[in-house]
Amino acid sequence: MLIWAHGLWGSPNGSKVTAIRESGIEVVSPDFNNMELEERINILNELVSNKKVVLAGSSYGGLACALVAQQKPEQIKAMLLLAPALHLPESPNDVPENLIAPNDLPITIIHSTTDEIVPISASQDYINRSENKISLIEVEDSHVLENSIELIILETKKLLKL
């Protein structure tokens, strides 16, 4: 199962998650609108507590997923992060430099080299401080990755082993 965490201005039925659903993938996508980061993390922690899942998150949702994976790595099969806002110093990520990927967790990051909202350095720094072999796929796109939908679906299927 895939658990989707949308971004700050996204929705549980946004273009990326809708495309993933339409490709035949079962997705649980909570509505995080008007929620602080800690509230999002609490909901994700509840969802991953029942069984091992693949987490996917876009921007602010990617930050929430990375924090959940750091807290409960045993519950995560794999993780897909899309232009993740890993550099934001917001509770409980008060010191972004302390956010690292769990060892041996398959992680793919798709990030645009031309992202004007979340710099690609946020993903590069996360990779550099983690001991995990994270796959970074660099694309030329906007922050919302609207031209990378097929790639997102392909990478999601790889992580789900479909």
C-alpha atoms as a PDB file:
ATOM      1  CA  MET A   1       0.000   0.000   0.000  1.00  0.00           C
ATOM      2  CA  LEU A   2       1.082   3.557  -0.716  1.00  0.00           C
ATOM      3  CA  ILE A   3       0.492   6.351   1.760  1.00  0.00           C
ATOM      4  CA  TRP A   4       0.566   9.774   0.095  1.00  0.00           C
ATOM      5  CA  ALA A   5       1.364  13.018   1.932  1.00  0.00           C
ATOM      6  CA  HIS A   6       0.497  16.091  -0.114  1.00  0.00           C
ATOM      7  CA  GLY A   7       2.315  19.392   0.102  1.00  0.00           C
ATOM      8  CA  LEU A   8       1.431  22.564   1.938  1.00  0.00           C
ATOM      9  CA  TRP A   9      -0.775  23.867  -0.883  1.00  0.00           C
ATOM     10  CA  GLY A  10      -1.751  20.428  -2.200  1.00  0.00           C
ATOM     11  CA  SER A  11      -4.732  18.244  -1.552  1.00  0.00           C
ATOM     12  CA  PRO A  12      -5.492  14.546  -1.066  1.00  0.00           C
ATOM     13  CA  ASN A  13      -6.880  14.560  -4.619  1.00  0.00           C
ATOM     14  CA  GLY A  14      -4.194  16.624  -6.353  1.00  0.00           C
ATOM     15  CA  SER A  15      -2.840  15.931  -9.827  1.00  0.00           C
ATOM     16  CA  LYS A  16       0.064  13.677  -8.792  1.00  0.00           C
ATOM     17  CA  VAL A  17      -1.883  11.410  -6.447  1.00  0.00           C
ATOM     18  CA  THR A  18      -4.813  11.267  -8.876  1.00  0.00           C
ATOM     19  CA  ALA A  19      -2.473  10.118 -11.650  1.00  0.00           C
ATOM     20  CA  ILE A  20      -0.986   7.494  -9.311  1.00  0.00           C
ATOM     21  CA  ARG A  21      -4.490   6.216  -8.449  1.00  0.00           C
ATOM     22  CA  GLU A  22      -5.507   6.169 -12.116  1.00  0.00           C
ATOM     23  CA  SER A  23      -2.473   3.999 -12.858  1.00  0.00           C
ATOM     24  CA  GLY A  24      -4.044   1.301 -10.659  1.00  0.00           C
ATOM     25  CA  ILE A  25      -2.102   1.855  -7.443  1.00  0.00           C
ATOM     26  CA  GLU A  26      -4.009   1.719  -4.153  1.00  0.00           C
ATOM     27  CA  VAL A  27      -3.369   4.955  -2.277  1.00  0.00           C
ATOM     28  CA  VAL A  28      -4.329   6.285   1.134  1.00  0.00           C
ATOM     29  CA  SER A  29      -4.133  10.069   1.025  1.00  0.00           C
ATOM     30  CA  PRO A  30      -5.139  11.943   4.188  1.00  0.00           C
ATOM     31  CA  ASP A  31      -6.285  15.541   4.020  1.00  0.00           C
ATOM     32  CA  PHE A  32      -3.553  17.587   5.698  1.00  0.00           C
ATOM     33  CA  ASN A  33      -4.912  21.018   4.789  1.00  0.00           C
ATOM     34  CA  ASN A  34      -4.547  23.602   7.567  1.00  0.00           C
ATOM     35  CA  MET A  35      -2.380  21.231   9.639  1.00  0.00           C
ATOM     36  CA  GLU A  36       0.962  21.923  11.208  1.00  0.00           C
ATOM     37  CA  LEU A  37       3.848  19.549  10.560  1.00  0.00           C
ATOM     38  CA  GLU A  38       3.462  17.767  13.910  1.00  0.00           C
ATOM     39  CA  GLU A  39      -0.221  17.012  13.198  1.00  0.00           C
ATOM     40  CA  ARG A  40       0.696  15.560   9.808  1.00  0.00           C
ATOM     41  CA  ILE A  41       3.376  13.394  11.406  1.00  0.00           C
ATOM     42  CA  ASN A  42       0.942  12.107  14.048  1.00  0.00           C
ATOM     43  CA  ILE A  43      -1.531  11.014  11.365  1.00  0.00           C
ATOM     44  CA  LEU A  44       1.193   9.348   9.296  1.00  0.00           C
ATOM     45  CA  ASN A  45       2.539   7.574  12.395  1.00  0.00           C
ATOM     46  CA  GLU A  46      -0.951   6.153  13.042  1.00  0.00           C
ATOM     47  CA  LEU A  47      -1.233   4.953   9.434  1.00  0.00           C
ATOM     48  CA  VAL A  48       2.155   3.212   9.437  1.00  0.00           C
ATOM     49  CA  SER A  49       1.651   1.600  12.851  1.00  0.00           C
ATOM     50  CA  ASN A  50      -0.612  -1.183  11.496  1.00  0.00           C
ATOM     51  CA  LYS A  51       1.548  -2.554   8.669  1.00  0.00           C
ATOM     52  CA  LYS A  52       4.643  -1.884   6.596  1.00  0.00           C
ATOM     53  CA  VAL A  53       3.952   0.643   3.857  1.00  0.00           C
ATOM     54  CA  VAL A  54       5.568   2.707   1.144  1.00  0.00           C
ATOM     55  CA  LEU A  55       5.487   6.414   1.963  1.00  0.00           C
ATOM     56  CA  ALA A  56       5.352   9.085  -0.722  1.00  0.00           C
ATOM     57  CA  GLY A  57       5.321  12.788  -0.131  1.00  0.00           C
ATOM     58  CA  SER A  58       5.531  15.995  -2.081  1.00  0.00           C
ATOM     59  CA  SER A  59       7.316  19.095  -0.774  1.00  0.00           C
ATOM     60  CA  TYR A  60       6.077  19.664   2.810  1.00  0.00           C
ATOM     61  CA  GLY A  61       4.548  16.181   2.678  1.00  0.00           C
ATOM     62  CA  GLY A  62       7.983  14.835   1.795  1.00  0.00           C
ATOM     63  CA  LEU A  63       9.377  16.436   4.930  1.00  0.00           C
ATOM     64  CA  ALA A  64       6.634  14.765   7.004  1.00  0.00           C
ATOM     65  CA  CYS A  65       7.412  11.378   5.396  1.00  0.00           C
ATOM     66  CA  ALA A  66      11.154  11.711   6.024  1.00  0.00           C
ATOM     67  CA  LEU A  67      10.510  12.500   9.685  1.00  0.00           C
ATOM     68  CA  VAL A  68       8.158   9.513  10.067  1.00  0.00           C
ATOM     69  CA  ALA A  69      10.720   7.235   8.390  1.00  0.00           C
ATOM     70  CA  GLN A  70      13.376   8.480  10.802  1.00  0.00           C
ATOM     71  CA  GLN A  71      11.050   7.812  13.780  1.00  0.00           C
ATOM     72  CA  LYS A  72       9.640   4.436  12.653  1.00  0.00           C
ATOM     73  CA  PRO A  73      11.985   2.934  10.035  1.00  0.00           C
ATOM     74  CA  GLU A  74      10.815  -0.599  10.809  1.00  0.00           C
ATOM     75  CA  GLN A  75       7.332   0.280   9.494  1.00  0.00           C
ATOM     76  CA  ILE A  76       8.475   1.685   6.155  1.00  0.00           C
ATOM     77  CA  LYS A  77       9.196  -0.541   3.129  1.00  0.00           C
ATOM     78  CA  ALA A  78      10.376   2.290   0.901  1.00  0.00           C
ATOM     79  CA  MET A  79       9.942   6.007   0.374  1.00  0.00           C
ATOM     80  CA  LEU A  80       9.427   8.342  -2.581  1.00  0.00           C
ATOM     81  CA  LEU A  81      10.121  12.024  -1.977  1.00  0.00           C
ATOM     82  CA  LEU A  82       9.136  14.647  -4.544  1.00  0.00           C
ATOM     83  CA  ALA A  83      10.900  18.011  -4.200  1.00  0.00           C
ATOM     84  CA  PRO A  84      10.937  17.451  -0.430  1.00  0.00           C
ATOM     85  CA  ALA A  85      11.211  20.497   1.826  1.00  0.00           C
ATOM     86  CA  LEU A  86      13.826  18.804   4.016  1.00  0.00           C
ATOM     87  CA  HIS A  87      15.545  22.092   4.792  1.00  0.00           C
ATOM     88  CA  LEU A  88      12.671  23.715   6.703  1.00  0.00           C
ATOM     89  CA  PRO A  89      13.466  24.416  10.364  1.00  0.00           C
ATOM     90  CA  GLU A  90      10.040  23.740  11.822  1.00  0.00           C
ATOM     91  CA  SER A  91       9.150  21.673  14.872  1.00  0.00           C
ATOM     92  CA  PRO A  92       9.891  18.788  15.160  1.00  0.00           C
ATOM     93  CA  ASN A  93      12.518  19.402  12.450  1.00  0.00           C
ATOM     94  CA  ASP A  94      14.064  22.270  14.404  1.00  0.00           C
ATOM     95  CA  VAL A  95      17.572  21.322  13.260  1.00  0.00           C
ATOM     96  CA  PRO A  96      17.230  20.116   9.654  1.00  0.00           C
ATOM     97  CA  GLU A  97      20.844  18.901   9.697  1.00  0.00           C
ATOM     98  CA  ASN A  98      19.752  16.160  12.141  1.00  0.00           C
ATOM     99  CA  LEU A  99      17.272  14.707   9.635  1.00  0.00           C
ATOM    100  CA  ILE A 100      18.859  11.630   8.078  1.00  0.00           C
ATOM    101  CA  ALA A 101      17.575   8.685   6.094  1.00  0.00           C
ATOM    102  CA  PRO A 102      17.331   5.321   7.839  1.00  0.00           C
ATOM    103  CA  ASN A 103      19.951   2.804   6.711  1.00  0.00           C
ATOM    104  CA  ASP A 104      18.885   0.132   4.223  1.00  0.00           C
ATOM    105  CA  LEU A 105      15.591   1.840   3.372  1.00  0.00           C
ATOM    106  CA  PRO A 106      15.000   2.132  -0.389  1.00  0.00           C
ATOM    107  CA  ILE A 107      14.507   5.842  -1.065  1.00  0.00           C
ATOM    108  CA  THR A 108      14.024   7.667  -4.340  1.00  0.00           C
ATOM    109  CA  ILE A 109      13.955  11.447  -4.578  1.00  0.00           C
ATOM    110  CA  ILE A 110      12.728  13.257  -7.677  1.00  0.00           C
ATOM    111  CA  HIS A 111      13.688  16.923  -7.625  1.00  0.00           C
ATOM    112  CA  SER A 112      13.883  19.614 -10.266  1.00  0.00           C
ATOM    113  CA  THR A 113      17.184  21.367 -10.843  1.00  0.00           C
ATOM    114  CA  THR A 114      15.120  24.484 -11.591  1.00  0.00           C
ATOM    115  CA  ASP A 115      12.827  24.296  -8.529  1.00  0.00           C
ATOM    116  CA  GLU A 116      12.237  27.861  -7.337  1.00  0.00           C
ATOM    117  CA  ILE A 117      10.409  26.935  -4.125  1.00  0.00           C
ATOM    118  CA  VAL A 118      12.531  24.141  -2.615  1.00  0.00           C
ATOM    119  CA  PRO A 119      16.136  24.212  -3.816  1.00  0.00           C
ATOM    120  CA  ILE A 120      17.559  20.897  -4.974  1.00  0.00           C
ATOM    121  CA  SER A 121      20.300  21.422  -2.377  1.00  0.00           C
ATOM    122  CA  ALA A 122      17.711  20.413   0.268  1.00  0.00           C
ATOM    123  CA  SER A 123      17.674  16.907  -1.239  1.00  0.00           C
ATOM    124  CA  GLN A 124      21.418  16.854  -1.932  1.00  0.00           C
ATOM    125  CA  ASP A 125      22.237  17.823   1.666  1.00  0.00           C
ATOM    126  CA  TYR A 126      19.909  15.079   3.024  1.00  0.00           C
ATOM    127  CA  ILE A 127      21.654  12.542   0.805  1.00  0.00           C
ATOM    128  CA  ASN A 128      25.131  13.730   1.804  1.00  0.00           C
ATOM    129  CA  ARG A 129      24.476  13.469   5.536  1.00  0.00           C
ATOM    130  CA  SER A 130      22.737  10.075   5.287  1.00  0.00           C
ATOM    131  CA  GLU A 131      24.597   6.777   5.064  1.00  0.00           C
ATOM    132  CA  ASN A 132      21.813   5.317   2.925  1.00  0.00           C
ATOM    133  CA  LYS A 133      22.248   4.964  -0.827  1.00  0.00           C
ATOM    134  CA  ILE A 134      19.444   7.263  -1.928  1.00  0.00           C
ATOM    135  CA  SER A 135      18.538   7.513  -5.583  1.00  0.00           C
ATOM    136  CA  LEU A 136      18.271  11.153  -6.691  1.00  0.00           C
ATOM    137  CA  ILE A 137      16.585  11.708 -10.035  1.00  0.00           C
ATOM    138  CA  GLU A 138      17.174  15.238 -11.261  1.00  0.00           C
ATOM    139  CA  VAL A 139      14.657  16.647 -13.737  1.00  0.00           C
ATOM    140  CA  GLU A 140      14.010  20.017 -15.342  1.00  0.00           C
ATOM    141  CA  ASP A 141      10.514  20.909 -14.206  1.00  0.00           C
ATOM    142  CA  SER A 142       8.663  23.200 -11.825  1.00  0.00           C
ATOM    143  CA  HIS A 143       8.304  22.572  -8.103  1.00  0.00           C
ATOM    144  CA  VAL A 144       5.031  20.682  -8.619  1.00  0.00           C
ATOM    145  CA  LEU A 145       6.714  18.342 -11.138  1.00  0.00           C
ATOM    146  CA  GLU A 146       3.739  18.472 -13.517  1.00  0.00           C
ATOM    147  CA  ASN A 147       5.904  17.317 -16.438  1.00  0.00           C
ATOM    148  CA  SER A 148       7.269  14.337 -14.494  1.00  0.00           C
ATOM    149  CA  ILE A 149       4.032  12.463 -13.733  1.00  0.00           C
ATOM    150  CA  GLU A 150       4.951   9.366 -15.786  1.00  0.00           C
ATOM    151  CA  LEU A 151       8.334   9.203 -14.055  1.00  0.00           C
ATOM    152  CA  ILE A 152       6.637   9.522 -10.654  1.00  0.00           C
ATOM    153  CA  ILE A 153       4.286   6.631 -11.478  1.00  0.00           C
ATOM    154  CA  LEU A 154       7.188   4.488 -12.748  1.00  0.00           C
ATOM    155  CA  GLU A 155       9.269   5.102  -9.626  1.00  0.00           C
ATOM    156  CA  THR A 156       6.265   4.479  -7.365  1.00  0.00           C
ATOM    157  CA  LYS A 157       5.687   1.115  -9.036  1.00  0.00           C
ATOM    158  CA  LYS A 158       9.370   0.215  -8.624  1.00  0.00           C
ATOM    159  CA  LEU A 159       9.249   0.948  -4.892  1.00  0.00           C
ATOM    160  CA  LEU A 160       5.985  -0.994  -4.524  1.00  0.00           C
ATOM    161  CA  LYS A 161       7.546  -3.809  -6.589  1.00  0.00           C
ATOM    162  CA  LEU A 162       4.596  -3.860  -8.991  1.00  0.00           C
END
